Amino acid sequence: MILTVTLNAAIDKRYVVNNFKTGEVNRVKECTYVPGGKGLNVSKPASIYGAEVIATGFVGGYAGAYIENALKPFGIKSAFYHVAAESRSCINIWDEVNKVQTEFLEPGFTLTEEDFAGFEEKFRNLVKEAKVVAMSGSVPKGLDGTAYQRLIKIVKEAGIPVILDTSGKLLEMGIEAAPTMIKPNIDEIRMLTGKNCDNIQDIIDAAKEIHEKGVEIVAVSLGADGSLAVGNEGIFRALVPRINAVNTVGCGDSMIAGFALGLSRGLSLPETMKLASAISAAAAMREETGFFVMEDMEKLLPQIEVTEL
């Protein structure tokens, strides 16, 4: 079982418009609503691939009930901690004419220490059933980077791999607890190490620096240029074929799903990178965030090149 953690779950709303203009009335051509938040965008691809997935975190109000109900068609089990306030919404506007995406991310509700202590108790029990834990995204108001530190400690005490995918101070503080894996982008690894990371060797050196501090796998996403990973098995680079990308929002989360699947199944790091890259690329080919079609992934899988550096 893969346990995903979305502390700041949301309803993701995608609006398709023609020639989006600020300061004016924009008619929405079509819209979709799906359960969102980075952890849930990990849950969906992992479940599509065939894993048993339990999603936890915080939800509240009518919006929270919608999030839980909307996960059911994916076969994802909900194990959220409930609060009285309404869960947030995040809006993604896709301009079909200019091929530009604009996002509006609500901050969500505020949590208390009592809320988080109650969640920790629930989380300890859920971790006992998991093969791997993936925690992703921002945290609600009232929490800080120590929240991820506390959760990582619980998972590590249970002897289970834990992936942390977040940014800024949350990532900086989170890696102090030495999660099994992180997946920073170029800007994030620059922030963590102070290195320029203007070429592959710089990026490798930065990833090695974090790896040597106790993070077993440091996977760096390079966008269309694929990814590289530093781990106990070595240093590897994954290259993906050119695709017709329709929606790149959530592709990093789909990659985390692939890594979680690889860790849960005991795959090698190169095999895991290949799977994660194929799922991520397949997700970019579909409009719905956090979604891919197995047929797309299976066609892409043999085309992913993973080489040792």
Protein backbone atom coordinates (compact mmCIF):
# COMPACT_ATOMS: atom_id res chain seq x y z
CA MET A 1 0.00 0.00 0.00
CA ILE A 2 1.15 3.52 -0.85
CA LEU A 3 0.15 6.15 1.70
CA THR A 4 -0.05 9.69 0.34
CA VAL A 5 -0.12 12.78 2.54
CA THR A 6 -1.86 15.97 1.36
CA LEU A 7 -1.95 18.36 4.28
CA ASN A 8 -3.48 21.13 2.14
CA ALA A 9 -5.94 19.23 -0.11
CA ALA A 10 -8.06 21.18 -2.59
CA ILE A 11 -10.62 21.03 -5.35
CA ASP A 12 -8.70 21.65 -8.59
CA LYS A 13 -10.77 23.61 -11.09
CA ARG A 14 -9.53 23.82 -14.69
CA TYR A 15 -11.03 26.52 -16.91
CA VAL A 16 -10.47 26.49 -20.66
CA VAL A 17 -10.82 29.95 -22.25
CA ASN A 18 -10.05 31.63 -25.56
CA ASN A 19 -7.64 34.58 -25.35
CA PHE A 20 -7.69 35.17 -21.56
CA LYS A 21 -7.65 38.88 -20.70
CA THR A 22 -7.06 40.41 -17.27
CA GLY A 23 -9.49 43.07 -16.12
CA GLU A 24 -12.24 41.82 -18.44
CA VAL A 25 -15.07 39.28 -18.40
CA ASN A 26 -13.78 35.93 -19.71
CA ARG A 27 -16.25 33.29 -20.88
CA VAL A 28 -15.24 29.78 -19.85
CA LYS A 29 -15.41 27.37 -22.78
CA GLU A 30 -15.27 24.26 -20.58
CA CYS A 31 -14.42 23.40 -16.98
CA THR A 32 -13.48 20.34 -14.94
CA TYR A 33 -13.36 19.73 -11.20
CA VAL A 34 -11.09 17.11 -9.64
CA PRO A 35 -9.69 16.41 -6.14
CA GLY A 36 -6.32 18.12 -5.95
CA GLY A 37 -3.35 19.10 -3.91
CA LYS A 38 0.06 17.63 -4.76
CA GLY A 39 -0.40 14.49 -2.66
CA LEU A 40 -3.67 13.63 -4.40
CA ASN A 41 -1.99 14.18 -7.75
CA VAL A 42 0.40 11.43 -6.59
CA SER A 43 -2.47 9.21 -5.42
CA LYS A 44 -4.33 9.14 -8.74
CA PRO A 45 -1.48 7.96 -11.02
CA ALA A 46 -0.34 5.38 -8.45
CA SER A 47 -3.88 3.99 -8.29
CA ILE A 48 -4.26 4.00 -12.10
CA TYR A 49 -1.07 1.93 -12.29
CA GLY A 50 -2.66 -0.63 -9.97
CA ALA A 51 -1.34 0.12 -6.51
CA GLU A 52 -3.49 0.13 -3.38
CA VAL A 53 -3.52 3.77 -2.30
CA ILE A 54 -4.72 5.39 0.90
CA ALA A 55 -4.89 9.19 0.95
CA THR A 56 -4.62 11.14 4.18
CA GLY A 57 -4.24 14.75 5.25
CA PHE A 58 -6.83 17.36 6.21
CA VAL A 59 -10.24 18.09 4.65
CA GLY A 60 -13.21 20.08 5.83
CA GLY A 61 -16.77 21.14 5.04
CA TYR A 62 -18.74 20.43 1.86
CA ALA A 63 -15.63 20.89 -0.27
CA GLY A 64 -13.84 18.26 1.83
CA ALA A 65 -16.73 15.82 1.36
CA TYR A 66 -16.51 16.40 -2.41
CA ILE A 67 -12.76 15.65 -2.38
CA GLU A 68 -13.34 12.33 -0.59
CA ASN A 69 -16.24 11.30 -2.85
CA ALA A 70 -14.36 12.25 -6.02
CA LEU A 71 -11.47 9.93 -5.08
CA LYS A 72 -13.73 6.86 -5.03
CA PRO A 73 -13.87 6.34 -8.83
CA PHE A 74 -10.07 6.08 -8.79
CA GLY A 75 -10.23 3.32 -6.18
CA ILE A 76 -8.40 5.52 -3.66
CA LYS A 77 -9.33 5.01 -0.02
CA SER A 78 -9.79 8.17 2.05
CA ALA A 79 -8.41 8.39 5.57
CA PHE A 80 -8.45 12.15 6.14
CA TYR A 81 -8.57 14.05 9.41
CA HIS A 82 -11.68 16.24 9.39
CA VAL A 83 -11.92 19.88 10.45
CA ALA A 84 -14.93 22.20 10.48
CA ALA A 85 -13.63 24.81 7.99
CA GLU A 86 -14.04 24.46 4.21
CA SER A 87 -11.29 22.92 2.09
CA ARG A 88 -9.75 25.24 -0.50
CA SER A 89 -10.00 25.45 -4.29
CA CYS A 90 -7.19 25.94 -6.81
CA ILE A 91 -7.99 27.32 -10.25
CA ASN A 92 -5.99 26.62 -13.41
CA ILE A 93 -6.87 28.74 -16.45
CA TRP A 94 -5.78 27.37 -19.84
CA ASP A 95 -5.79 29.89 -22.67
CA GLU A 96 -6.26 27.87 -25.87
CA VAL A 97 -5.29 30.76 -28.13
CA ASN A 98 -2.03 31.83 -26.47
CA LYS A 99 -1.17 28.40 -25.00
CA VAL A 100 -0.58 29.91 -21.56
CA GLN A 101 -1.60 28.61 -18.11
CA THR A 102 -2.50 30.87 -15.17
CA GLU A 103 -3.05 29.50 -11.67
CA PHE A 104 -4.85 30.84 -8.60
CA LEU A 105 -4.06 28.89 -5.42
CA GLU A 106 -6.20 29.56 -2.34
CA PRO A 107 -4.38 29.39 1.03
CA GLY A 108 -6.95 27.14 2.74
CA PHE A 109 -7.97 26.89 6.40
CA THR A 110 -5.89 27.47 9.55
CA LEU A 111 -4.97 24.52 11.78
CA THR A 112 -4.20 24.41 15.48
CA GLU A 113 -1.63 22.31 17.32
CA GLU A 114 -4.54 20.27 18.65
CA ASP A 115 -5.62 19.53 15.05
CA PHE A 116 -2.14 18.40 14.11
CA ALA A 117 -1.67 16.27 17.22
CA GLY A 118 -4.93 14.50 16.37
CA PHE A 119 -3.71 13.92 12.84
CA GLU A 120 -0.36 12.54 14.07
CA GLU A 121 -2.20 9.89 16.09
CA LYS A 122 -4.21 8.85 13.01
CA PHE A 123 -1.08 8.94 10.85
CA ARG A 124 0.87 6.58 13.15
CA ASN A 125 -1.77 3.90 12.65
CA LEU A 126 -1.92 4.38 8.88
CA VAL A 127 1.87 4.12 8.53
CA LYS A 128 1.75 0.60 10.00
CA GLU A 129 -0.07 -0.60 6.84
CA ALA A 130 2.14 1.21 4.30
CA LYS A 131 5.05 0.06 2.12
CA VAL A 132 6.00 3.64 1.22
CA VAL A 133 4.78 7.10 2.25
CA ALA A 134 4.74 10.09 -0.12
CA MET A 135 4.10 13.51 1.41
CA SER A 136 3.68 16.45 -0.91
CA GLY A 137 2.88 20.11 -1.22
CA SER A 138 2.21 23.06 1.02
CA VAL A 139 0.90 23.02 4.57
CA PRO A 140 -2.16 24.87 5.91
CA LYS A 141 -1.80 28.06 7.87
CA GLY A 142 -0.89 27.33 11.47
CA LEU A 143 1.75 24.74 10.51
CA ASP A 144 5.39 25.18 9.48
CA GLY A 145 8.34 23.04 8.37
CA THR A 146 8.40 21.19 11.67
CA ALA A 147 5.15 19.47 10.61
CA TYR A 148 6.97 17.51 7.90
CA GLN A 149 9.87 16.85 10.25
CA ARG A 150 7.49 15.27 12.77
CA LEU A 151 5.77 13.14 10.14
CA ILE A 152 9.05 11.98 8.58
CA LYS A 153 10.26 10.92 12.01
CA ILE A 154 7.13 8.77 12.51
CA VAL A 155 7.64 7.03 9.15
CA LYS A 156 11.36 6.44 9.71
CA GLU A 157 10.70 4.98 13.16
CA ALA A 158 8.43 2.47 11.40
CA GLY A 159 11.29 1.58 9.01
CA ILE A 160 9.37 2.60 5.87
CA PRO A 161 10.67 4.68 2.91
CA VAL A 162 9.34 8.24 2.86
CA ILE A 163 9.32 10.69 -0.07
CA LEU A 164 9.11 14.44 0.59
CA ASP A 165 8.10 16.71 -2.29
CA THR A 166 7.68 20.31 -1.24
CA SER A 167 9.49 23.63 -1.69
CA GLY A 168 11.03 26.63 0.06
CA LYS A 169 11.41 26.61 3.81
CA LEU A 170 9.26 23.48 4.08
CA LEU A 171 11.79 21.57 1.97
CA GLU A 172 14.78 23.13 3.70
CA MET A 173 13.47 22.14 7.13
CA GLY A 174 12.06 18.82 5.94
CA ILE A 175 15.39 17.44 4.71
CA GLU A 176 16.84 17.97 8.18
CA ALA A 177 14.80 14.88 9.12
CA ALA A 178 16.52 12.94 6.27
CA PRO A 179 13.61 11.62 4.21
CA THR A 180 14.39 8.69 1.91
CA MET A 181 13.90 10.80 -1.20
CA ILE A 182 13.36 14.36 -2.40
CA LYS A 183 12.72 15.68 -5.94
CA PRO A 184 13.83 19.32 -6.17
CA ASN A 185 13.83 21.31 -9.38
CA ILE A 186 16.81 23.47 -10.40
CA ASP A 187 15.67 26.52 -8.41
CA GLU A 188 15.08 24.41 -5.30
CA ILE A 189 18.43 22.64 -5.41
CA ARG A 190 20.11 26.05 -5.86
CA MET A 191 18.27 27.25 -2.76
CA LEU A 192 19.30 24.18 -0.76
CA THR A 193 23.00 24.22 -1.67
CA GLY A 194 23.85 27.76 -2.79
CA LYS A 195 25.36 26.33 -6.00
CA ASN A 196 24.73 27.91 -9.43
CA CYS A 197 23.68 24.62 -11.03
CA ASP A 198 24.22 26.06 -14.53
CA ASN A 199 25.42 22.73 -15.96
CA ILE A 200 24.92 19.01 -15.33
CA GLN A 201 28.09 18.61 -13.26
CA ASP A 202 27.04 21.46 -10.94
CA ILE A 203 23.64 19.82 -10.49
CA ILE A 204 25.24 16.45 -9.76
CA ASP A 205 27.58 18.02 -7.19
CA ALA A 206 24.64 19.75 -5.50
CA ALA A 207 22.61 16.54 -5.41
CA LYS A 208 25.60 14.62 -4.01
CA GLU A 209 25.96 17.22 -1.25
CA ILE A 210 22.36 16.62 -0.13
CA HIS A 211 22.72 12.85 -0.55
CA GLU A 212 25.78 12.84 1.73
CA LYS A 213 23.72 14.55 4.43
CA GLY A 214 21.42 11.53 4.68
CA VAL A 215 18.85 11.76 1.88
CA GLU A 216 19.16 8.38 0.11
CA ILE A 217 17.80 9.49 -3.28
CA VAL A 218 18.03 13.03 -4.64
CA ALA A 219 16.14 13.15 -7.95
CA VAL A 220 16.37 16.46 -9.80
CA SER A 221 13.72 17.26 -12.40
CA LEU A 222 15.06 18.96 -15.53
CA GLY A 223 11.73 19.60 -17.28
CA ALA A 224 11.80 18.59 -20.95
CA ASP A 225 15.44 17.52 -20.47
CA GLY A 226 14.36 14.64 -18.23
CA SER A 227 15.82 14.09 -14.79
CA LEU A 228 18.86 12.87 -12.92
CA ALA A 229 19.18 11.06 -9.62
CA VAL A 230 21.94 10.53 -7.10
CA GLY A 231 21.52 7.50 -4.87
CA ASN A 232 23.34 4.65 -3.18
CA GLU A 233 23.29 2.75 -6.50
CA GLY A 234 25.05 5.55 -8.40
CA ILE A 235 24.26 8.60 -10.50
CA PHE A 236 21.77 8.23 -13.34
CA ARG A 237 20.26 10.43 -16.06
CA ALA A 238 16.84 9.79 -17.63
CA LEU A 239 15.96 11.22 -21.05
CA VAL A 240 12.40 11.27 -22.37
CA PRO A 241 11.18 11.45 -25.99
CA ARG A 242 9.53 14.59 -27.33
CA ILE A 243 5.79 14.45 -26.74
CA ASN A 244 2.74 16.56 -27.50
CA ALA A 245 2.29 18.06 -24.03
CA VAL A 246 -1.30 19.07 -23.32
CA ASN A 247 -1.15 19.80 -19.56
CA THR A 248 2.12 19.80 -17.61
CA VAL A 249 0.49 20.71 -14.28
CA GLY A 250 0.94 17.79 -11.90
CA CYS A 251 3.56 15.99 -14.03
CA GLY A 252 6.08 16.26 -11.19
CA ASP A 253 3.51 14.64 -8.90
CA SER A 254 3.03 11.84 -11.43
CA MET A 255 6.80 11.33 -11.34
CA ILE A 256 6.64 11.03 -7.54
CA ALA A 257 3.94 8.38 -8.00
CA GLY A 258 6.36 6.47 -10.22
CA PHE A 259 9.11 6.67 -7.61
CA ALA A 260 6.69 5.54 -4.90
CA LEU A 261 5.68 2.57 -7.07
CA GLY A 262 9.32 1.69 -7.66
CA LEU A 263 10.20 1.88 -3.97
CA SER A 264 7.14 -0.14 -2.98
CA ARG A 265 8.06 -2.87 -5.47
CA GLY A 266 11.78 -3.00 -4.73
CA LEU A 267 12.87 -1.84 -8.21
CA SER A 268 16.40 -0.60 -8.82
CA LEU A 269 16.98 3.16 -9.11
CA PRO A 270 17.36 3.06 -12.94
CA GLU A 271 14.19 0.95 -13.28
CA THR A 272 12.35 3.31 -10.96
CA MET A 273 13.49 6.38 -12.92
CA LYS A 274 12.34 4.77 -16.17
CA LEU A 275 8.89 4.02 -14.75
CA ALA A 276 8.55 7.45 -13.13
CA SER A 277 9.60 9.24 -16.34
CA ALA A 278 7.13 7.25 -18.46
CA ILE A 279 4.22 7.96 -16.09
CA SER A 280 5.12 11.66 -15.92
CA ALA A 281 5.36 11.99 -19.72
CA ALA A 282 2.10 10.09 -20.20
CA ALA A 283 0.40 12.45 -17.72
CA ALA A 284 1.52 15.48 -19.77
CA MET A 285 -0.33 14.06 -22.77
CA ARG A 286 -3.74 14.30 -21.05
CA GLU A 287 -5.79 17.35 -20.05
CA GLU A 288 -6.81 16.12 -16.61
CA THR A 289 -4.27 16.87 -13.87
CA GLY A 290 -2.81 13.83 -12.11
CA PHE A 291 -4.13 11.43 -14.73
CA PHE A 292 -2.59 9.19 -17.37
CA VAL A 293 -3.60 6.34 -19.66
CA MET A 294 -1.73 3.04 -19.28
CA GLU A 295 -1.52 2.60 -23.06
CA ASP A 296 0.35 5.93 -23.39
CA MET A 297 2.73 4.97 -20.59
CA GLU A 298 3.43 1.52 -22.06
CA LYS A 299 4.31 3.07 -25.44
CA LEU A 300 6.66 5.58 -23.82
CA LEU A 301 8.38 3.16 -21.42
CA PRO A 302 10.73 1.54 -24.00
CA GLN A 303 11.68 5.01 -25.29
CA ILE A 304 12.98 6.27 -21.93
CA GLU A 305 16.78 6.18 -21.86
CA VAL A 306 18.46 5.83 -18.46
CA THR A 307 22.25 6.02 -18.41
CA GLU A 308 24.76 5.91 -15.57
CA LEU A 309 26.92 9.01 -15.25
